[in-house]
C-alpha atoms as a PDB file:
ATOM      1  CA  MET A   1      -1.566 -41.805 -35.756  1.00  0.00           C
ATOM      2  CA  ARG A   2      -1.061 -39.119 -38.387  1.00  0.00           C
ATOM      3  CA  ARG A   3      -1.609 -35.246 -37.243  1.00  0.00           C
ATOM      4  CA  ASN A   4      -3.415 -32.901 -39.043  1.00  0.00           C
ATOM      5  CA  SER A   5      -0.833 -30.131 -40.098  1.00  0.00           C
ATOM      6  CA  ARG A   6      -3.338 -27.296 -39.280  1.00  0.00           C
ATOM      7  CA  GLU A   7      -2.848 -28.666 -35.527  1.00  0.00           C
ATOM      8  CA  ARG A   8       0.841 -28.380 -35.288  1.00  0.00           C
ATOM      9  CA  GLY A   9       2.062 -25.656 -32.874  1.00  0.00           C
ATOM     10  CA  GLU A  10      -1.331 -24.714 -31.249  1.00  0.00           C
ATOM     11  CA  GLY A  11      -0.109 -25.750 -27.823  1.00  0.00           C
ATOM     12  CA  GLN A  12       3.138 -23.925 -28.031  1.00  0.00           C
ATOM     13  CA  PHE A  13       1.318 -20.621 -28.499  1.00  0.00           C
ATOM     14  CA  GLY A  14      -0.906 -21.159 -25.393  1.00  0.00           C
ATOM     15  CA  CYS A  15       2.461 -21.951 -23.464  1.00  0.00           C
ATOM     16  CA  VAL A  16       3.789 -18.775 -24.794  1.00  0.00           C
ATOM     17  CA  VAL A  17       0.796 -16.724 -23.631  1.00  0.00           C
ATOM     18  CA  GLY A  18       0.816 -18.307 -20.369  1.00  0.00           C
ATOM     19  CA  LEU A  19       4.323 -17.477 -19.752  1.00  0.00           C
ATOM     20  CA  ILE A  20       3.867 -13.912 -20.586  1.00  0.00           C
ATOM     21  CA  LEU A  21       1.057 -13.649 -18.248  1.00  0.00           C
ATOM     22  CA  LEU A  22       3.151 -15.305 -15.367  1.00  0.00           C
ATOM     23  CA  ALA A  23       5.653 -12.824 -16.020  1.00  0.00           C
ATOM     24  CA  VAL A  24       3.515 -10.035 -15.986  1.00  0.00           C
ATOM     25  CA  GLY A  25       1.813 -11.123 -12.656  1.00  0.00           C
ATOM     26  CA  ALA A  26       5.311 -11.670 -11.249  1.00  0.00           C
ATOM     27  CA  MET A  27       6.275  -8.135 -12.107  1.00  0.00           C
ATOM     28  CA  ILE A  28       3.178  -6.652 -10.404  1.00  0.00           C
ATOM     29  CA  ALA A  29       3.664  -8.826  -7.408  1.00  0.00           C
ATOM     30  CA  TYR A  30       7.425  -7.608  -7.263  1.00  0.00           C
ATOM     31  CA  LYS A  31       6.327  -4.105  -7.242  1.00  0.00           C
ATOM     32  CA  VAL A  32       3.128  -4.067  -5.037  1.00  0.00           C
ATOM     33  CA  ILE A  33       3.956  -6.672  -2.274  1.00  0.00           C
ATOM     34  CA  PRO A  34       6.724  -4.550  -0.668  1.00  0.00           C
ATOM     35  CA  LEU A  35       4.686  -1.366  -0.793  1.00  0.00           C
ATOM     36  CA  LYS A  36       1.825  -3.104   0.923  1.00  0.00           C
ATOM     37  CA  VAL A  37       4.037  -4.428   3.719  1.00  0.00           C
ATOM     38  CA  LYS A  38       5.178  -0.987   4.185  1.00  0.00           C
ATOM     39  CA  ARG A  39       1.923   0.381   4.142  1.00  0.00           C
ATOM     40  CA  ALA A  40       0.806  -2.171   6.757  1.00  0.00           C
ATOM     41  CA  GLU A  41       3.882  -1.015   9.073  1.00  0.00           C
ATOM     42  CA  VAL A  42       2.762   2.818   8.754  1.00  0.00           C
ATOM     43  CA  ARG A  43      -1.022   1.568   9.576  1.00  0.00           C
ATOM     44  CA  GLN A  44       0.340  -0.103  12.489  1.00  0.00           C
ATOM     45  CA  GLU A  45       2.257   2.873  13.631  1.00  0.00           C
ATOM     46  CA  LEU A  46      -1.287   4.859  13.275  1.00  0.00           C
ATOM     47  CA  VAL A  47      -3.071   2.273  15.394  1.00  0.00           C
ATOM     48  CA  ASP A  48      -0.331   2.493  18.307  1.00  0.00           C
ATOM     49  CA  GLU A  49      -0.454   6.216  18.229  1.00  0.00           C
ATOM     50  CA  ALA A  50      -4.192   6.515  18.396  1.00  0.00           C
ATOM     51  CA  LYS A  51      -4.196   4.090  21.105  1.00  0.00           C
ATOM     52  CA  SER A  52      -1.781   6.010  23.176  1.00  0.00           C
ATOM     53  CA  ALA A  53      -3.613   9.462  22.303  1.00  0.00           C
ATOM     54  CA  GLY A  54      -4.349  10.264  26.120  1.00  0.00           C
ATOM     55  CA  MET A  55      -0.450  10.169  26.649  1.00  0.00           C
ATOM     56  CA  HIS A  56       0.554  11.955  23.292  1.00  0.00           C
ATOM     57  CA  GLY A  57      -0.325  15.149  21.739  1.00  0.00           C
ATOM     58  CA  ASP A  58      -1.349  15.881  18.203  1.00  0.00           C
ATOM     59  CA  ASP A  59       2.236  16.916  17.186  1.00  0.00           C
ATOM     60  CA  ARG A  60       3.840  13.793  18.694  1.00  0.00           C
ATOM     61  CA  ILE A  61       1.366  11.409  17.026  1.00  0.00           C
ATOM     62  CA  ARG A  62       1.850  13.274  13.617  1.00  0.00           C
ATOM     63  CA  LYS A  63       5.606  13.147  13.939  1.00  0.00           C
ATOM     64  CA  ALA A  64       5.776   9.482  14.754  1.00  0.00           C
ATOM     65  CA  ILE A  65       3.637   8.465  11.666  1.00  0.00           C
ATOM     66  CA  VAL A  66       5.496  10.554   9.202  1.00  0.00           C
ATOM     67  CA  GLU A  67       8.901   9.476  10.599  1.00  0.00           C
ATOM     68  CA  LYS A  68       7.734   5.778  10.099  1.00  0.00           C
ATOM     69  CA  ALA A  69       6.338   6.511   6.692  1.00  0.00           C
ATOM     70  CA  GLN A  70       9.681   8.176   5.773  1.00  0.00           C
ATOM     71  CA  GLU A  71      11.600   5.262   7.280  1.00  0.00           C
ATOM     72  CA  ASP A  72       9.869   3.001   4.783  1.00  0.00           C
ATOM     73  CA  ASN A  73      10.164   5.582   1.765  1.00  0.00           C
ATOM     74  CA  LEU A  74       6.339   6.233   1.643  1.00  0.00           C
ATOM     75  CA  PRO A  75       5.322   9.728   0.538  1.00  0.00           C
ATOM     76  CA  VAL A  76       3.422  10.803   3.629  1.00  0.00           C
ATOM     77  CA  THR A  77       3.968  14.630   4.855  1.00  0.00           C
ATOM     78  CA  ASP A  78       2.520  16.499   7.765  1.00  0.00           C
ATOM     79  CA  ASP A  79      -0.319  17.493   5.669  1.00  0.00           C
ATOM     80  CA  ASP A  80      -1.290  14.014   4.962  1.00  0.00           C
ATOM     81  CA  VAL A  81      -2.072  13.352   8.536  1.00  0.00           C
ATOM     82  CA  LYS A  82      -5.120  14.642  10.092  1.00  0.00           C
ATOM     83  CA  ILE A  83      -6.071  14.311  13.828  1.00  0.00           C
ATOM     84  CA  ASN A  84      -9.402  15.085  15.430  1.00  0.00           C
ATOM     85  CA  ARG A  85     -10.168  14.814  18.934  1.00  0.00           C
ATOM     86  CA  GLY A  86     -13.570  15.110  20.247  1.00  0.00           C
ATOM     87  CA  ASN A  87     -16.313  13.454  22.603  1.00  0.00           C
ATOM     88  CA  ASN A  88     -13.438  11.424  24.504  1.00  0.00           C
ATOM     89  CA  GLU A  89     -12.233   9.988  21.239  1.00  0.00           C
ATOM     90  CA  ILE A  90      -9.666  10.447  18.720  1.00  0.00           C
ATOM     91  CA  THR A  91      -9.598   9.854  14.929  1.00  0.00           C
ATOM     92  CA  VAL A  92      -6.325   9.831  12.938  1.00  0.00           C
ATOM     93  CA  GLN A  93      -6.481   9.605   9.190  1.00  0.00           C
ATOM     94  CA  VAL A  94      -3.508   9.441   6.782  1.00  0.00           C
ATOM     95  CA  ASP A  95      -4.273  10.210   3.099  1.00  0.00           C
ATOM     96  CA  TYR A  96      -1.421   9.770   0.683  1.00  0.00           C
ATOM     97  CA  VAL A  97      -0.787   8.645  -3.206  1.00  0.00           C
ATOM     98  CA  VAL A  98       2.065   6.241  -4.047  1.00  0.00           C
ATOM     99  CA  PRO A  99       3.451   6.203  -7.583  1.00  0.00           C
ATOM    100  CA  ILE A 100       3.781   2.610  -8.747  1.00  0.00           C
ATOM    101  CA  ASP A 101       6.140   2.594 -12.042  1.00  0.00           C
ATOM    102  CA  PHE A 102       5.433  -0.136 -14.518  1.00  0.00           C
ATOM    103  CA  PRO A 103       6.981   0.019 -17.965  1.00  0.00           C
ATOM    104  CA  GLY A 104       5.095   2.341 -19.884  1.00  0.00           C
ATOM    105  CA  TYR A 105       2.610   3.345 -16.986  1.00  0.00           C
ATOM    106  CA  THR A 106       2.678   4.868 -13.733  1.00  0.00           C
ATOM    107  CA  TYR A 107      -0.076   3.808 -11.477  1.00  0.00           C
ATOM    108  CA  GLN A 108      -1.192   6.158  -8.575  1.00  0.00           C
ATOM    109  CA  TRP A 109      -2.224   3.928  -5.745  1.00  0.00           C
ATOM    110  CA  HIS A 110      -4.693   6.300  -3.293  1.00  0.00           C
ATOM    111  CA  VAL A 111      -3.950   5.114   0.438  1.00  0.00           C
ATOM    112  CA  HIS A 112      -6.726   6.154   3.044  1.00  0.00           C
ATOM    113  CA  ASP A 113      -6.168   4.742   6.509  1.00  0.00           C
ATOM    114  CA  GLU A 114      -8.064   5.762   9.490  1.00  0.00           C
ATOM    115  CA  GLN A 115      -8.291   4.758  13.231  1.00  0.00           C
ATOM    116  CA  THR A 116     -10.749   5.855  15.959  1.00  0.00           C
ATOM    117  CA  ASN A 117     -10.133   5.085  19.442  1.00  0.00           C
ATOM    118  CA  PRO A 118     -11.384   6.136  22.954  1.00  0.00           C
ATOM    119  CA  ILE A 119      -8.981   8.661  24.809  1.00  0.00           C
ATOM    120  CA  PHE A 120      -8.618   7.183  28.409  1.00  0.00           C
END
């Protein structure tokens, strides 16, 4: 069978585009997945501290959350942690922004975690 000269090379262009998209996806995953794991660790600390609110004061809860975030290199400060007690329950909120650097662009990932638990 003879090939038409206009069809030659079309498959290779699609392969190049596919490889570029794969590389971009791998780079995004490389940057984002570790941050998501660190966020989950801080969120778990928030949940644990909210559960033990009856035994811990606000300052201790705030300090534990900020220390865990600093351990994971997340930009959480004392001002980012808000604690409200009332009606036999506690609400702990953490709001912060994580900059994710990509070539030519910095994405600002806004994180909001909240946990409400009864106080025993």
